[in-house]
PDB file of N, CA and C in Angstrom:
ATOM      1  N   MET A   1     -59.716 -78.008  72.866  1.00  0.00           N
ATOM      2  CA  MET A   1     -60.169 -76.494  73.142  1.00  0.00           C
ATOM      3  C   MET A   1     -61.483 -76.926  72.986  1.00  0.00           C
ATOM      4  N   ASP A   2     -62.368 -76.008  74.053  1.00  0.00           N
ATOM      5  CA  ASP A   2     -63.750 -76.272  74.120  1.00  0.00           C
ATOM      6  C   ASP A   2     -64.235 -75.016  73.584  1.00  0.00           C
ATOM      7  N   LYS A   3     -65.177 -75.021  73.370  1.00  0.00           N
ATOM      8  CA  LYS A   3     -66.027 -74.060  72.609  1.00  0.00           C
ATOM      9  C   LYS A   3     -65.714 -72.445  73.401  1.00  0.00           C
ATOM     10  N   ALA A   4     -65.968 -72.530  74.537  1.00  0.00           N
ATOM     11  CA  ALA A   4     -66.244 -71.447  74.883  1.00  0.00           C
ATOM     12  C   ALA A   4     -64.455 -70.673  75.089  1.00  0.00           C
ATOM     13  N   ALA A   5     -63.768 -71.464  75.182  1.00  0.00           N
ATOM     14  CA  ALA A   5     -62.117 -70.902  75.455  1.00  0.00           C
ATOM     15  C   ALA A   5     -61.889 -70.586  74.071  1.00  0.00           C
ATOM     16  N   ALA A   6     -62.255 -71.692  72.928  1.00  0.00           N
ATOM     17  CA  ALA A   6     -62.548 -70.659  71.333  1.00  0.00           C
ATOM     18  C   ALA A   6     -62.889 -69.480  71.277  1.00  0.00           C
ATOM     19  N   ILE A   7     -64.427 -69.734  71.793  1.00  0.00           N
ATOM     20  CA  ILE A   7     -64.863 -67.743  71.782  1.00  0.00           C
ATOM     21  C   ILE A   7     -63.663 -66.697  72.181  1.00  0.00           C
ATOM     22  N   ALA A   8     -63.643 -67.156  73.446  1.00  0.00           N
ATOM     23  CA  ALA A   8     -63.071 -66.341  74.878  1.00  0.00           C
ATOM     24  C   ALA A   8     -61.493 -65.614  73.882  1.00  0.00           C
ATOM     25  N   LEU A   9     -60.909 -66.734  73.377  1.00  0.00           N
ATOM     26  CA  LEU A   9     -59.501 -66.404  72.443  1.00  0.00           C
ATOM     27  C   LEU A   9     -59.478 -65.594  71.417  1.00  0.00           C
ATOM     28  N   SER A  10     -60.514 -65.895  70.736  1.00  0.00           N
ATOM     29  CA  SER A  10     -61.058 -64.807  69.372  1.00  0.00           C
ATOM     30  C   SER A  10     -61.482 -63.486  69.899  1.00  0.00           C
ATOM     31  N   ALA A  11     -62.399 -63.617  71.036  1.00  0.00           N
ATOM     32  CA  ALA A  11     -62.655 -61.869  71.707  1.00  0.00           C
ATOM     33  C   ALA A  11     -61.548 -61.480  72.127  1.00  0.00           C
ATOM     34  N   LEU A  12     -60.385 -62.027  72.605  1.00  0.00           N
ATOM     35  CA  LEU A  12     -59.121 -61.626  72.841  1.00  0.00           C
ATOM     36  C   LEU A  12     -58.277 -60.869  72.023  1.00  0.00           C
ATOM     37  N   GLY A  13     -58.524 -61.672  70.548  1.00  0.00           N
ATOM     38  CA  GLY A  13     -57.565 -61.521  69.523  1.00  0.00           C
ATOM     39  C   GLY A  13     -58.203 -60.060  68.790  1.00  0.00           C
ATOM     40  N   TRP A  14     -59.717 -60.320  69.336  1.00  0.00           N
ATOM     41  CA  TRP A  14     -60.074 -58.911  68.707  1.00  0.00           C
ATOM     42  C   TRP A  14     -60.123 -57.941  69.518  1.00  0.00           C
ATOM     43  N   THR A  15     -59.784 -58.061  70.877  1.00  0.00           N
ATOM     44  CA  THR A  15     -59.818 -56.589  71.508  1.00  0.00           C
ATOM     45  C   THR A  15     -58.212 -56.181  71.463  1.00  0.00           C
ATOM     46  N   LEU A  16     -57.593 -57.195  71.370  1.00  0.00           N
ATOM     47  CA  LEU A  16     -55.976 -56.844  70.956  1.00  0.00           C
ATOM     48  C   LEU A  16     -55.250 -56.068  69.746  1.00  0.00           C
ATOM     49  N   VAL A  17     -56.240 -56.190  68.533  1.00  0.00           N
ATOM     50  CA  VAL A  17     -56.224 -55.721  67.575  1.00  0.00           C
ATOM     51  C   VAL A  17     -56.012 -54.125  67.617  1.00  0.00           C
ATOM     52  N   ASP A  18     -57.110 -53.287  68.588  1.00  0.00           N
ATOM     53  CA  ASP A  18     -57.238 -52.129  68.459  1.00  0.00           C
ATOM     54  C   ASP A  18     -56.117 -51.887  69.665  1.00  0.00           C
ATOM     55  N   ASP A  19     -55.211 -50.613  69.484  1.00  0.00           N
ATOM     56  CA  ASP A  19     -54.102 -50.087  70.513  1.00  0.00           C
ATOM     57  C   ASP A  19     -55.176 -49.620  71.752  1.00  0.00           C
ATOM     58  N   ALA A  20     -56.076 -49.102  71.577  1.00  0.00           N
ATOM     59  CA  ALA A  20     -56.649 -48.579  72.460  1.00  0.00           C
ATOM     60  C   ALA A  20     -57.646 -49.803  73.567  1.00  0.00           C
ATOM     61  N   ARG A  21     -58.368 -50.398  73.091  1.00  0.00           N
ATOM     62  CA  ARG A  21     -58.705 -50.884  73.408  1.00  0.00           C
ATOM     63  C   ARG A  21     -58.158 -52.110  74.188  1.00  0.00           C
ATOM     64  N   ALA A  22     -56.569 -52.296  73.637  1.00  0.00           N
ATOM     65  CA  ALA A  22     -55.946 -53.395  74.249  1.00  0.00           C
ATOM     66  C   ALA A  22     -55.332 -52.748  75.579  1.00  0.00           C
ATOM     67  N   GLN A  23     -54.793 -51.189  75.334  1.00  0.00           N
ATOM     68  CA  GLN A  23     -54.465 -50.633  76.705  1.00  0.00           C
ATOM     69  C   GLN A  23     -55.672 -50.638  77.628  1.00  0.00           C
ATOM     70  N   ARG A  24     -56.858 -50.536  77.226  1.00  0.00           N
ATOM     71  CA  ARG A  24     -57.954 -50.309  78.204  1.00  0.00           C
ATOM     72  C   ARG A  24     -57.630 -51.604  78.956  1.00  0.00           C
ATOM     73  N   LEU A  25     -57.814 -52.813  78.022  1.00  0.00           N
ATOM     74  CA  LEU A  25     -58.207 -53.957  78.889  1.00  0.00           C
ATOM     75  C   LEU A  25     -56.987 -54.478  80.142  1.00  0.00           C
ATOM     76  N   LEU A  26     -55.699 -53.877  79.062  1.00  0.00           N
ATOM     77  CA  LEU A  26     -54.550 -54.019  80.753  1.00  0.00           C
ATOM     78  C   LEU A  26     -54.580 -53.051  81.586  1.00  0.00           C
ATOM     79  N   ALA A  27     -55.421 -51.815  81.636  1.00  0.00           N
ATOM     80  CA  ALA A  27     -55.129 -50.811  82.729  1.00  0.00           C
ATOM     81  C   ALA A  27     -56.423 -51.452  83.634  1.00  0.00           C
ATOM     82  N   LEU A  28     -57.644 -51.803  83.063  1.00  0.00           N
ATOM     83  CA  LEU A  28     -58.310 -52.440  84.191  1.00  0.00           C
ATOM     84  C   LEU A  28     -58.617 -53.599  84.693  1.00  0.00           C
ATOM     85  N   THR A  29     -57.448 -54.625  84.056  1.00  0.00           N
ATOM     86  CA  THR A  29     -57.325 -55.922  84.438  1.00  0.00           C
ATOM     87  C   THR A  29     -55.805 -55.804  85.097  1.00  0.00           C
ATOM     88  N   GLY A  30     -55.215 -54.662  85.346  1.00  0.00           N
ATOM     89  CA  GLY A  30     -53.869 -54.745  85.907  1.00  0.00           C
ATOM     90  C   GLY A  30     -52.951 -55.639  85.589  1.00  0.00           C
ATOM     91  N   LEU A  31     -53.298 -56.378  83.946  1.00  0.00           N
ATOM     92  CA  LEU A  31     -52.035 -56.805  83.643  1.00  0.00           C
ATOM     93  C   LEU A  31     -51.461 -56.560  82.877  1.00  0.00           C
ATOM     94  N   SER A  32     -50.283 -57.171  82.796  1.00  0.00           N
ATOM     95  CA  SER A  32     -48.908 -56.316  81.876  1.00  0.00           C
ATOM     96  C   SER A  32     -48.930 -57.274  80.420  1.00  0.00           C
ATOM     97  N   PRO A  33     -48.120 -56.573  79.452  1.00  0.00           N
ATOM     98  CA  PRO A  33     -48.190 -57.405  78.219  1.00  0.00           C
ATOM     99  C   PRO A  33     -47.602 -59.048  78.391  1.00  0.00           C
ATOM    100  N   ASP A  34     -46.388 -59.108  79.479  1.00  0.00           N
ATOM    101  CA  ASP A  34     -45.671 -60.078  79.580  1.00  0.00           C
ATOM    102  C   ASP A  34     -47.105 -61.510  80.283  1.00  0.00           C
ATOM    103  N   ASP A  35     -47.586 -60.483  81.604  1.00  0.00           N
ATOM    104  CA  ASP A  35     -48.603 -61.498  81.982  1.00  0.00           C
ATOM    105  C   ASP A  35     -49.736 -62.179  81.165  1.00  0.00           C
ATOM    106  N   LEU A  36     -50.359 -61.110  80.493  1.00  0.00           N
ATOM    107  CA  LEU A  36     -51.093 -61.528  79.159  1.00  0.00           C
ATOM    108  C   LEU A  36     -50.730 -62.919  78.340  1.00  0.00           C
ATOM    109  N   ARG A  37     -49.320 -62.784  77.794  1.00  0.00           N
ATOM    110  CA  ARG A  37     -48.790 -63.577  76.799  1.00  0.00           C
ATOM    111  C   ARG A  37     -48.922 -64.774  77.751  1.00  0.00           C
ATOM    112  N   SER A  38     -48.054 -64.856  78.874  1.00  0.00           N
ATOM    113  CA  SER A  38     -47.874 -66.140  80.145  1.00  0.00           C
ATOM    114  C   SER A  38     -49.256 -67.061  80.500  1.00  0.00           C
ATOM    115  N   ARG A  39     -50.360 -65.878  80.468  1.00  0.00           N
ATOM    116  CA  ARG A  39     -51.420 -66.654  80.704  1.00  0.00           C
ATOM    117  C   ARG A  39     -52.779 -66.608  80.184  1.00  0.00           C
ATOM    118  N   VAL A  40     -52.155 -66.800  78.691  1.00  0.00           N
ATOM    119  CA  VAL A  40     -53.398 -66.391  77.615  1.00  0.00           C
ATOM    120  C   VAL A  40     -54.244 -67.723  77.440  1.00  0.00           C
ATOM    121  N   GLY A  41     -53.882 -69.114  77.982  1.00  0.00           N
ATOM    122  CA  GLY A  41     -54.850 -70.201  77.462  1.00  0.00           C
ATOM    123  C   GLY A  41     -55.854 -70.106  79.102  1.00  0.00           C
ATOM    124  N   GLU A  42     -55.558 -69.712  79.927  1.00  0.00           N
ATOM    125  CA  GLU A  42     -56.057 -69.821  81.259  1.00  0.00           C
ATOM    126  C   GLU A  42     -57.438 -69.190  81.117  1.00  0.00           C
ATOM    127  N   PRO A  43     -58.386 -70.217  81.960  1.00  0.00           N
ATOM    128  CA  PRO A  43     -60.147 -69.638  81.687  1.00  0.00           C
ATOM    129  C   PRO A  43     -59.838 -68.302  82.555  1.00  0.00           C
ATOM    130  N   THR A  44     -59.242 -68.210  83.580  1.00  0.00           N
ATOM    131  CA  THR A  44     -59.458 -66.923  84.315  1.00  0.00           C
ATOM    132  C   THR A  44     -59.419 -65.734  83.761  1.00  0.00           C
ATOM    133  N   LEU A  45     -58.132 -65.583  82.651  1.00  0.00           N
ATOM    134  CA  LEU A  45     -57.550 -64.838  82.141  1.00  0.00           C
ATOM    135  C   LEU A  45     -58.552 -64.569  80.752  1.00  0.00           C
ATOM    136  N   LEU A  46     -59.269 -65.923  80.219  1.00  0.00           N
ATOM    137  CA  LEU A  46     -60.022 -65.816  78.969  1.00  0.00           C
ATOM    138  C   LEU A  46     -61.790 -65.001  79.410  1.00  0.00           C
ATOM    139  N   ALA A  47     -62.043 -65.413  80.810  1.00  0.00           N
ATOM    140  CA  ALA A  47     -63.342 -64.969  81.604  1.00  0.00           C
ATOM    141  C   ALA A  47     -63.088 -63.315  81.559  1.00  0.00           C
ATOM    142  N   ALA A  48     -62.080 -63.353  82.027  1.00  0.00           N
ATOM    143  CA  ALA A  48     -62.067 -61.615  82.087  1.00  0.00           C
ATOM    144  C   ALA A  48     -61.722 -60.886  81.348  1.00  0.00           C
ATOM    145  N   THR A  49     -61.233 -61.308  80.236  1.00  0.00           N
ATOM    146  CA  THR A  49     -61.507 -60.930  78.794  1.00  0.00           C
ATOM    147  C   THR A  49     -62.880 -60.478  78.359  1.00  0.00           C
ATOM    148  N   LEU A  50     -63.796 -61.493  78.485  1.00  0.00           N
ATOM    149  CA  LEU A  50     -65.098 -61.642  78.576  1.00  0.00           C
ATOM    150  C   LEU A  50     -66.120 -60.508  79.265  1.00  0.00           C
ATOM    151  N   ARG A  51     -65.685 -60.420  80.502  1.00  0.00           N
ATOM    152  CA  ARG A  51     -66.150 -59.532  81.151  1.00  0.00           C
ATOM    153  C   ARG A  51     -66.067 -58.493  80.834  1.00  0.00           C
ATOM    154  N   PHE A  52     -64.855 -57.792  80.297  1.00  0.00           N
ATOM    155  CA  PHE A  52     -64.340 -56.416  80.149  1.00  0.00           C
ATOM    156  C   PHE A  52     -65.034 -56.028  78.749  1.00  0.00           C
ATOM    157  N   LEU A  53     -65.320 -56.814  78.025  1.00  0.00           N
ATOM    158  CA  LEU A  53     -66.189 -56.274  77.117  1.00  0.00           C
ATOM    159  C   LEU A  53     -67.785 -56.238  77.129  1.00  0.00           C
ATOM    160  N   GLU A  54     -68.069 -57.392  78.234  1.00  0.00           N
ATOM    161  CA  GLU A  54     -69.499 -57.076  78.750  1.00  0.00           C
ATOM    162  C   GLU A  54     -69.712 -55.639  79.634  1.00  0.00           C
ATOM    163  N   ALA A  55     -68.545 -55.092  80.159  1.00  0.00           N
ATOM    164  CA  ALA A  55     -68.507 -53.820  80.790  1.00  0.00           C
ATOM    165  C   ALA A  55     -68.676 -53.115  79.737  1.00  0.00           C
ATOM    166  N   HIS A  56     -68.586 -52.936  79.022  1.00  0.00           N
ATOM    167  CA  HIS A  56     -68.508 -51.753  77.417  1.00  0.00           C
ATOM    168  C   HIS A  56     -69.543 -52.655  76.307  1.00  0.00           C
ATOM    169  N   GLU A  57     -70.767 -52.232  76.389  1.00  0.00           N
ATOM    170  CA  GLU A  57     -71.918 -52.848  75.500  1.00  0.00           C
ATOM    171  C   GLU A  57     -71.283 -52.640  74.121  1.00  0.00           C
ATOM    172  N   PRO A  58     -70.785 -51.462  73.449  1.00  0.00           N
ATOM    173  CA  PRO A  58     -70.581 -51.453  72.193  1.00  0.00           C
ATOM    174  C   PRO A  58     -69.613 -52.219  71.952  1.00  0.00           C
ATOM    175  N   ASP A  59     -68.461 -52.814  72.454  1.00  0.00           N
ATOM    176  CA  ASP A  59     -67.150 -53.173  72.438  1.00  0.00           C
ATOM    177  C   ASP A  59     -68.308 -54.813  72.121  1.00  0.00           C
ATOM    178  N   LEU A  60     -69.077 -55.192  72.907  1.00  0.00           N
ATOM    179  CA  LEU A  60     -69.428 -56.441  73.315  1.00  0.00           C
ATOM    180  C   LEU A  60     -70.090 -56.922  72.049  1.00  0.00           C
ATOM    181  N   VAL A  61     -70.729 -55.926  71.550  1.00  0.00           N
ATOM    182  CA  VAL A  61     -71.733 -55.726  70.415  1.00  0.00           C
ATOM    183  C   VAL A  61     -71.034 -55.941  69.225  1.00  0.00           C
ATOM    184  N   ALA A  62     -70.027 -55.171  69.152  1.00  0.00           N
ATOM    185  CA  ALA A  62     -69.158 -54.977  68.016  1.00  0.00           C
ATOM    186  C   ALA A  62     -68.066 -56.123  67.856  1.00  0.00           C
ATOM    187  N   CYS A  63     -67.825 -56.922  68.538  1.00  0.00           N
ATOM    188  CA  CYS A  63     -66.608 -58.162  69.131  1.00  0.00           C
ATOM    189  C   CYS A  63     -67.684 -59.751  68.388  1.00  0.00           C
ATOM    190  N   ALA A  64     -68.809 -59.563  68.852  1.00  0.00           N
ATOM    191  CA  ALA A  64     -69.766 -60.557  68.709  1.00  0.00           C
ATOM    192  C   ALA A  64     -70.272 -60.403  67.121  1.00  0.00           C
ATOM    193  N   ALA A  65     -70.129 -59.315  66.377  1.00  0.00           N
ATOM    194  CA  ALA A  65     -70.652 -59.057  65.176  1.00  0.00           C
ATOM    195  C   ALA A  65     -69.141 -59.493  64.495  1.00  0.00           C
ATOM    196  N   ALA A  66     -68.304 -59.050  64.870  1.00  0.00           N
ATOM    197  CA  ALA A  66     -66.936 -59.655  64.082  1.00  0.00           C
ATOM    198  C   ALA A  66     -66.700 -60.829  63.947  1.00  0.00           C
ATOM    199  N   LEU A  67     -66.928 -61.669  65.195  1.00  0.00           N
ATOM    200  CA  LEU A  67     -66.549 -63.087  65.534  1.00  0.00           C
ATOM    201  C   LEU A  67     -67.923 -64.106  64.742  1.00  0.00           C
ATOM    202  N   ASP A  68     -69.048 -63.150  64.457  1.00  0.00           N
ATOM    203  CA  ASP A  68     -70.125 -63.614  63.670  1.00  0.00           C
ATOM    204  C   ASP A  68     -70.962 -64.654  64.724  1.00  0.00           C
ATOM    205  N   VAL A  69     -71.310 -63.953  66.100  1.00  0.00           N
ATOM    206  CA  VAL A  69     -72.234 -64.875  67.292  1.00  0.00           C
ATOM    207  C   VAL A  69     -72.844 -63.797  67.431  1.00  0.00           C
ATOM    208  N   GLU A  70     -73.584 -64.430  68.277  1.00  0.00           N
ATOM    209  CA  GLU A  70     -74.637 -63.000  69.156  1.00  0.00           C
ATOM    210  C   GLU A  70     -74.011 -62.765  70.064  1.00  0.00           C
ATOM    211  N   PRO A  71     -74.657 -61.647  70.621  1.00  0.00           N
ATOM    212  CA  PRO A  71     -73.588 -61.014  72.285  1.00  0.00           C
ATOM    213  C   PRO A  71     -73.718 -62.219  73.321  1.00  0.00           C
ATOM    214  N   VAL A  72     -75.002 -62.486  73.280  1.00  0.00           N
ATOM    215  CA  VAL A  72     -75.096 -63.860  74.238  1.00  0.00           C
ATOM    216  C   VAL A  72     -74.116 -65.008  74.342  1.00  0.00           C
ATOM    217  N   ALA A  73     -73.707 -65.137  73.113  1.00  0.00           N
ATOM    218  CA  ALA A  73     -72.823 -66.363  72.925  1.00  0.00           C
ATOM    219  C   ALA A  73     -71.130 -65.797  74.007  1.00  0.00           C
ATOM    220  N   LEU A  74     -70.967 -64.727  74.119  1.00  0.00           N
ATOM    221  CA  LEU A  74     -69.935 -64.061  74.479  1.00  0.00           C
ATOM    222  C   LEU A  74     -70.127 -64.396  76.210  1.00  0.00           C
ATOM    223  N   ILE A  75     -71.031 -63.819  76.126  1.00  0.00           N
ATOM    224  CA  ILE A  75     -71.745 -64.390  77.899  1.00  0.00           C
ATOM    225  C   ILE A  75     -72.072 -65.639  78.265  1.00  0.00           C
ATOM    226  N   GLU A  76     -72.455 -66.370  77.477  1.00  0.00           N
ATOM    227  CA  GLU A  76     -72.160 -67.750  78.138  1.00  0.00           C
ATOM    228  C   GLU A  76     -70.922 -68.527  77.919  1.00  0.00           C
ATOM    229  N   ALA A  77     -70.118 -67.657  76.982  1.00  0.00           N
ATOM    230  CA  ALA A  77     -68.526 -68.517  77.152  1.00  0.00           C
ATOM    231  C   ALA A  77     -68.274 -67.803  78.737  1.00  0.00           C
ATOM    232  N   ARG A  78     -67.997 -66.784  78.824  1.00  0.00           N
ATOM    233  CA  ARG A  78     -67.698 -66.393  80.160  1.00  0.00           C
ATOM    234  C   ARG A  78     -68.196 -67.120  81.164  1.00  0.00           C
ATOM    235  N   ARG A  79     -69.454 -67.382  81.540  1.00  0.00           N
ATOM    236  CA  ARG A  79     -70.074 -67.624  82.725  1.00  0.00           C
ATOM    237  C   ARG A  79     -69.707 -69.566  82.708  1.00  0.00           C
ATOM    238  N   ALA A  80     -69.530 -70.454  81.174  1.00  0.00           N
ATOM    239  CA  ALA A  80     -68.906 -71.721  81.275  1.00  0.00           C
ATOM    240  C   ALA A  80     -67.347 -71.556  81.569  1.00  0.00           C
ATOM    241  N   LEU A  81     -66.699 -70.600  80.888  1.00  0.00           N
ATOM    242  CA  LEU A  81     -65.063 -70.641  81.753  1.00  0.00           C
ATOM    243  C   LEU A  81     -65.115 -69.787  83.251  1.00  0.00           C
ATOM    244  N   GLU A  82     -66.161 -70.078  84.125  1.00  0.00           N
ATOM    245  CA  GLU A  82     -66.234 -69.344  84.922  1.00  0.00           C
ATOM    246  C   GLU A  82     -66.106 -70.823  86.206  1.00  0.00           C
ATOM    247  N   ARG A  83     -66.886 -71.619  85.767  1.00  0.00           N
ATOM    248  CA  ARG A  83     -67.466 -72.820  86.509  1.00  0.00           C
ATOM    249  C   ARG A  83     -66.395 -73.470  86.595  1.00  0.00           C
TER     250      ARG A  83
END
């Protein structure tokens, strides 16, 4: 697994720990819990998770702090996954 995917998977885990944030992710992406489980390793899903965090700066900053990375690392990971 590459660094971008590892960061994104960690960010996805962080997102899903909070029920309200997880529900917002599902609502905004149109994914169901089953979709999420079956597609968890796909670069498009991981990039969508990071884009979701980017859309709400407080979540982006909080996630970065929880993962002990700079917020820009999440943005760079999303860009790498979208290539």
